[in-house]
Amino acid sequence: MAVMIKKVGVIGSGQMGNGIAHVAALGGLDVVLNDVSADRLKSAMATINGNLSRQVSKKVITEDARKAALDRITSSDTMDGLADCDLVIESAVEKEEIKRKIFHDLCAVLKPEAIIASNTSSISITRLAASTDRPEKFIGIHFMNPVPLMELVELIRGIATDDATFDASKDFVTRLGKQIAVSEDFPAFIVNRILLPMINEAIYTLYEGVGNVEAIDAAMKLGAHHPMGPLELADFIGLDTCLSIMQVLHEGLADSKYRPCPLLVKYVEAGWLGRKTQRGFYDYRGEKPIPTR
């Protein structure tokens, strides 16, 4: 029997986590947003309120819908707050050891019939599932960024994921008004298997002096009709996330074409991670972004 999902937990209150909480609450579900930091939770709730208010101003939703969605979200800085959720989605940093620790702690308190999902953008679902006490109830539910605006969600079954979990996850995603792409459990799945090597190649193009930041981004926006240039997009995603995904591809597929560009590694080592740190391929500390190379 498929699990009836009425209450959703989201672990991690960053850009992806607060976006998932936002769309789940708008979809009529009760949401528990979890993070280790009370300050981050407070900031996330303010972000969600701001994004909902923006949707009201654009007449995407009503003011009543905004209020109802906010009322459905509670926050918790302990795992105990997630104990009675029907589905818990992990949306922490893209580091496997951190995710494994989260799942270990979560399984100790979560009711046995609940589904666990990861919003990982690249890591093996089968491997993550094996770190839990319920691999048959584990699945990848990969939202795109920014979650309220992007229509697609990738669903990824691990080798042990059962049909009831898959069907319940499909129903959940459909309820949020999203479109589903089903991916096999290969490194980076579909979207990032295609997107991140393109971004990495753009960074190589910069590294090798083929063009500067402005030229590379303008070339892809004007020459290929991309809404954002690849270096601007890398800053938006987060250069640390880009590097993590490229490392998963390189290690998982053992092909040199996925080798992370040394310039990407250097920026991450410098702490220049893009928009979230105010510096990446662009410097965001002034009135308008300025290329850093």
Protein backbone atom coordinates (compact mmCIF):
# COMPACT_ATOMS: atom_id res chain seq x y z
CA MET A 1 0.00 0.00 0.00
CA ALA A 2 1.19 3.50 -0.85
CA VAL A 3 2.01 5.75 2.10
CA MET A 4 -0.38 8.68 2.57
CA ILE A 5 1.83 11.75 2.80
CA LYS A 6 0.26 14.47 4.92
CA LYS A 7 3.22 15.78 6.90
CA VAL A 8 6.62 16.48 5.37
CA GLY A 9 9.92 17.12 7.10
CA VAL A 10 12.73 19.04 5.38
CA ILE A 11 16.27 18.81 6.76
CA GLY A 12 18.34 21.86 5.87
CA SER A 13 16.91 25.39 5.69
CA GLY A 14 19.17 26.80 2.98
CA GLN A 15 18.15 27.83 -0.52
CA MET A 16 16.91 24.38 -1.52
CA GLY A 17 15.43 23.40 1.83
CA ASN A 18 13.36 26.55 2.33
CA GLY A 19 12.21 26.29 -1.29
CA ILE A 20 10.98 22.71 -0.75
CA ALA A 21 9.19 23.78 2.43
CA HIS A 22 7.61 26.68 0.51
CA VAL A 23 6.12 24.52 -2.28
CA ALA A 24 5.06 21.71 0.08
CA ALA A 25 3.15 24.16 2.30
CA LEU A 26 1.54 25.79 -0.74
CA GLY A 27 0.53 22.27 -1.81
CA GLY A 28 -1.51 21.93 1.38
CA LEU A 29 0.89 19.78 3.38
CA ASP A 30 2.04 20.32 6.95
CA VAL A 31 5.79 21.00 6.99
CA VAL A 32 8.49 20.76 9.64
CA LEU A 33 11.63 22.66 8.60
CA ASN A 34 14.70 21.37 10.44
CA ASP A 35 18.17 22.84 10.87
CA VAL A 36 20.83 22.73 13.58
CA SER A 37 20.83 26.53 13.77
CA ALA A 38 17.87 28.48 15.17
CA ASP A 39 19.21 31.61 13.45
CA ARG A 40 19.22 29.85 10.06
CA LEU A 41 15.66 28.68 10.66
CA LYS A 42 14.56 32.23 11.46
CA SER A 43 16.27 33.50 8.31
CA ALA A 44 14.67 30.70 6.23
CA MET A 45 11.18 31.57 7.47
CA ALA A 46 11.78 35.21 6.54
CA THR A 47 12.94 34.10 3.07
CA ILE A 48 9.86 31.92 2.59
CA ASN A 49 7.58 34.79 3.65
CA GLY A 50 9.36 37.14 1.25
CA ASN A 51 9.10 34.69 -1.66
CA LEU A 52 5.40 34.03 -0.94
CA SER A 53 4.76 37.79 -0.76
CA ARG A 54 6.46 38.17 -4.15
CA GLN A 55 4.10 35.55 -5.56
CA VAL A 56 1.15 37.51 -4.12
CA SER A 57 2.36 40.75 -5.74
CA LYS A 58 2.63 38.95 -9.09
CA LYS A 59 -0.87 37.49 -8.58
CA VAL A 60 0.49 33.92 -8.70
CA ILE A 61 -1.17 33.18 -5.34
CA THR A 62 -3.64 35.02 -3.09
CA GLU A 63 -2.88 36.66 0.24
CA ASP A 64 -5.02 34.01 1.95
CA ALA A 65 -2.90 31.28 0.34
CA ARG A 66 0.28 32.99 1.61
CA LYS A 67 -1.02 33.11 5.18
CA ALA A 68 -2.27 29.51 5.05
CA ALA A 69 1.09 28.28 3.72
CA LEU A 70 3.04 30.05 6.48
CA ASP A 71 0.69 28.62 9.10
CA ARG A 72 1.46 25.10 7.85
CA ILE A 73 5.23 25.47 8.43
CA THR A 74 6.80 24.88 11.81
CA SER A 75 10.51 24.80 12.56
CA SER A 76 12.63 22.51 14.71
CA ASP A 77 16.33 22.49 15.58
CA THR A 78 16.24 18.84 16.73
CA MET A 79 15.54 15.57 14.92
CA ASP A 80 12.78 14.80 17.42
CA GLY A 81 10.58 17.35 15.67
CA LEU A 82 10.53 15.10 12.59
CA ALA A 83 9.45 11.91 14.39
CA ASP A 84 5.86 11.80 13.12
CA CYS A 85 6.47 12.96 9.53
CA ASP A 86 5.26 10.73 6.69
CA LEU A 87 8.09 11.86 4.40
CA VAL A 88 11.42 13.48 5.31
CA ILE A 89 13.52 15.11 2.59
CA GLU A 90 17.20 15.70 3.35
CA SER A 91 18.52 18.87 1.70
CA ALA A 92 21.88 19.36 3.37
CA VAL A 93 25.26 20.17 1.85
CA GLU A 94 26.40 17.90 -1.02
CA LYS A 95 28.80 15.85 1.12
CA GLU A 96 28.11 12.13 1.48
CA GLU A 97 29.55 11.74 4.98
CA ILE A 98 27.32 14.57 6.28
CA LYS A 99 24.23 13.05 4.66
CA ARG A 100 25.02 9.62 6.13
CA LYS A 101 25.30 11.13 9.62
CA ILE A 102 21.95 12.89 9.16
CA PHE A 103 20.24 9.66 8.08
CA HIS A 104 21.73 7.78 11.03
CA ASP A 105 20.36 10.36 13.48
CA LEU A 106 17.01 10.59 11.67
CA CYS A 107 16.36 6.83 11.66
CA ALA A 108 16.71 6.76 15.45
CA VAL A 109 13.58 8.90 15.88
CA LEU A 110 11.50 8.60 12.67
CA LYS A 111 8.43 6.35 12.66
CA PRO A 112 9.17 3.07 10.84
CA GLU A 113 6.58 3.46 8.07
CA ALA A 114 7.85 6.89 6.97
CA ILE A 115 9.68 7.48 3.67
CA ILE A 116 13.13 9.07 3.62
CA ALA A 117 14.27 11.02 0.55
CA SER A 118 17.41 12.86 -0.43
CA ASN A 119 17.50 16.00 -2.55
CA THR A 120 21.07 15.12 -3.56
CA SER A 121 22.00 16.36 -7.02
CA SER A 122 24.59 13.70 -7.73
CA ILE A 123 25.28 11.08 -5.01
CA SER A 124 24.21 7.43 -5.38
CA ILE A 125 20.73 6.84 -3.96
CA THR A 126 21.51 3.14 -3.49
CA ARG A 127 24.58 3.98 -1.40
CA LEU A 128 22.76 6.57 0.72
CA ALA A 129 19.84 4.17 1.25
CA ALA A 130 22.23 1.55 2.60
CA SER A 131 23.12 3.91 5.46
CA THR A 132 19.50 3.84 6.72
CA ASP A 133 17.32 1.24 8.43
CA ARG A 134 14.82 1.26 5.54
CA PRO A 135 16.47 1.13 2.08
CA GLU A 136 13.17 -0.01 0.53
CA LYS A 137 11.57 3.25 1.76
CA PHE A 138 14.38 5.48 0.49
CA ILE A 139 14.28 7.49 -2.76
CA GLY A 140 15.90 10.44 -4.51
CA ILE A 141 13.62 13.47 -4.94
CA HIS A 142 15.78 16.07 -6.65
CA PHE A 143 14.24 19.54 -6.93
CA MET A 144 15.70 22.22 -9.20
CA ASN A 145 16.82 25.67 -8.04
CA PRO A 146 14.95 27.96 -7.38
CA VAL A 147 12.35 25.44 -6.21
CA PRO A 148 9.22 27.65 -6.37
CA LEU A 149 9.93 28.58 -10.01
CA MET A 150 11.39 25.44 -11.56
CA GLU A 151 8.85 22.92 -12.86
CA LEU A 152 11.01 19.78 -12.90
CA VAL A 153 11.72 17.21 -10.19
CA GLU A 154 13.92 14.18 -10.82
CA LEU A 155 12.84 10.94 -9.13
CA ILE A 156 15.58 8.35 -8.62
CA ARG A 157 14.99 4.85 -7.29
CA GLY A 158 17.75 3.02 -5.47
CA ILE A 159 18.20 -0.68 -6.12
CA ALA A 160 16.04 -1.49 -3.06
CA THR A 161 13.33 1.21 -3.44
CA ASP A 162 9.93 -0.49 -3.45
CA ASP A 163 6.92 0.34 -5.63
CA ALA A 164 4.88 1.80 -2.76
CA THR A 165 7.63 4.33 -2.02
CA PHE A 166 8.00 5.24 -5.69
CA ASP A 167 4.22 5.65 -6.16
CA ALA A 168 3.85 7.76 -3.00
CA SER A 169 6.74 9.98 -4.12
CA LYS A 170 5.19 10.45 -7.57
CA ASP A 171 1.89 11.46 -5.96
CA PHE A 172 3.71 13.90 -3.66
CA VAL A 173 5.58 15.60 -6.50
CA THR A 174 2.43 15.80 -8.65
CA ARG A 175 0.55 17.41 -5.75
CA LEU A 176 3.13 20.21 -5.75
CA GLY A 177 2.34 20.94 -9.41
CA LYS A 178 5.76 19.75 -10.61
CA GLN A 179 6.67 17.63 -13.64
CA ILE A 180 8.57 14.37 -13.07
CA ALA A 181 11.62 13.02 -14.90
CA VAL A 182 12.54 9.50 -13.76
CA SER A 183 16.29 8.88 -13.74
CA GLU A 184 18.32 5.75 -13.19
CA ASP A 185 20.72 5.82 -10.26
CA PHE A 186 23.85 6.95 -12.10
CA PRO A 187 26.18 9.77 -10.96
CA ALA A 188 24.51 13.22 -11.24
CA PHE A 189 21.33 11.70 -12.74
CA ILE A 190 20.01 13.51 -15.87
CA VAL A 191 20.08 17.29 -15.47
CA ASN A 192 23.47 17.64 -13.78
CA ARG A 193 25.07 14.91 -15.91
CA ILE A 194 24.48 17.28 -18.84
CA LEU A 195 24.61 20.72 -17.17
CA LEU A 196 27.68 20.53 -14.92
CA PRO A 197 30.15 19.33 -17.57
CA MET A 198 29.03 22.32 -19.68
CA ILE A 199 29.70 24.67 -16.76
CA ASN A 200 33.04 22.95 -16.10
CA GLU A 201 33.97 23.40 -19.78
CA ALA A 202 33.07 27.10 -19.56
CA ILE A 203 35.46 27.38 -16.58
CA TYR A 204 38.17 25.62 -18.63
CA THR A 205 37.50 28.17 -21.40
CA LEU A 206 38.17 30.93 -18.87
CA TYR A 207 41.17 29.09 -17.37
CA GLU A 208 42.80 28.64 -20.77
CA GLY A 209 42.26 32.30 -21.73
CA VAL A 210 39.91 31.61 -24.63
CA GLY A 211 37.62 34.35 -23.33
CA ASN A 212 37.00 36.41 -20.21
CA VAL A 213 33.99 36.06 -17.90
CA GLU A 214 31.85 38.61 -19.75
CA ALA A 215 32.66 37.17 -23.18
CA ILE A 216 31.90 33.57 -22.17
CA ASP A 217 28.57 34.43 -20.54
CA ALA A 218 27.54 36.77 -23.38
CA ALA A 219 28.46 34.11 -25.96
CA MET A 220 26.14 31.52 -24.42
CA LYS A 221 23.31 33.97 -23.69
CA LEU A 222 23.31 35.57 -27.14
CA GLY A 223 24.65 32.66 -29.19
CA ALA A 224 22.70 29.80 -27.60
CA HIS A 225 19.78 31.72 -26.03
CA HIS A 226 20.64 30.54 -22.52
CA PRO A 227 18.83 32.73 -19.95
CA MET A 228 22.01 32.90 -17.83
CA GLY A 229 25.63 32.52 -18.84
CA PRO A 230 27.37 29.39 -17.50
CA LEU A 231 29.66 31.30 -15.13
CA GLU A 232 26.79 33.39 -13.77
CA LEU A 233 24.84 30.15 -13.34
CA ALA A 234 27.78 28.52 -11.53
CA ASP A 235 27.80 31.42 -9.06
CA PHE A 236 24.05 31.00 -8.57
CA ILE A 237 24.34 27.24 -7.93
CA GLY A 238 27.39 27.66 -5.67
CA LEU A 239 30.91 26.83 -6.80
CA ASP A 240 31.34 24.34 -3.96
CA THR A 241 28.26 22.45 -5.17
CA CYS A 242 29.54 22.55 -8.75
CA LEU A 243 32.87 21.10 -7.61
CA SER A 244 31.20 18.38 -5.52
CA ILE A 245 29.09 17.24 -8.48
CA MET A 246 32.07 17.20 -10.84
CA GLN A 247 34.03 15.16 -8.30
CA VAL A 248 31.17 12.64 -8.07
CA LEU A 249 31.09 12.39 -11.88
CA HIS A 250 34.87 12.05 -12.16
CA GLU A 251 35.14 9.42 -9.41
CA GLY A 252 31.94 7.56 -10.32
CA LEU A 253 32.49 7.31 -14.08
CA ALA A 254 36.32 7.29 -14.14
CA ASP A 255 36.44 9.39 -17.30
CA SER A 256 38.95 12.25 -17.63
CA LYS A 257 36.37 14.40 -19.42
CA TYR A 258 34.76 14.98 -16.02
CA ARG A 259 37.96 16.23 -14.34
CA PRO A 260 37.11 19.42 -12.37
CA CYS A 261 38.85 22.48 -13.79
CA PRO A 262 41.76 23.58 -11.55
CA LEU A 263 40.37 27.13 -11.58
CA LEU A 264 37.11 25.87 -10.05
CA VAL A 265 39.12 24.11 -7.33
CA LYS A 266 41.10 27.30 -6.68
CA TYR A 267 37.98 29.44 -6.28
CA VAL A 268 36.46 26.97 -3.83
CA GLU A 269 39.72 26.81 -1.84
CA ALA A 270 39.67 30.62 -1.67
CA GLY A 271 36.13 30.55 -0.28
CA TRP A 272 34.83 32.32 -3.40
CA LEU A 273 31.67 30.22 -3.76
CA GLY A 274 29.49 32.59 -5.77
CA ARG A 275 26.47 34.61 -4.73
CA LYS A 276 26.25 33.12 -1.23
CA THR A 277 29.71 34.45 -0.31
CA GLN A 278 29.43 37.62 -2.47
CA ARG A 279 32.35 36.55 -4.67
CA GLY A 280 32.83 33.93 -7.35
CA PHE A 281 33.27 34.53 -11.07
CA TYR A 282 31.56 37.83 -10.29
CA ASP A 283 32.00 40.18 -7.33
CA TYR A 284 28.55 40.95 -5.87
CA ARG A 285 29.61 43.38 -3.15
CA GLY A 286 28.83 46.52 -5.15
CA GLU A 287 25.70 47.89 -6.77
CA LYS A 288 26.05 45.52 -9.72
CA PRO A 289 28.07 42.32 -10.28
CA ILE A 290 31.60 42.85 -11.63
CA PRO A 291 33.60 40.00 -13.29
CA THR A 292 36.55 38.85 -11.20
CA ARG A 293 38.60 37.79 -14.25
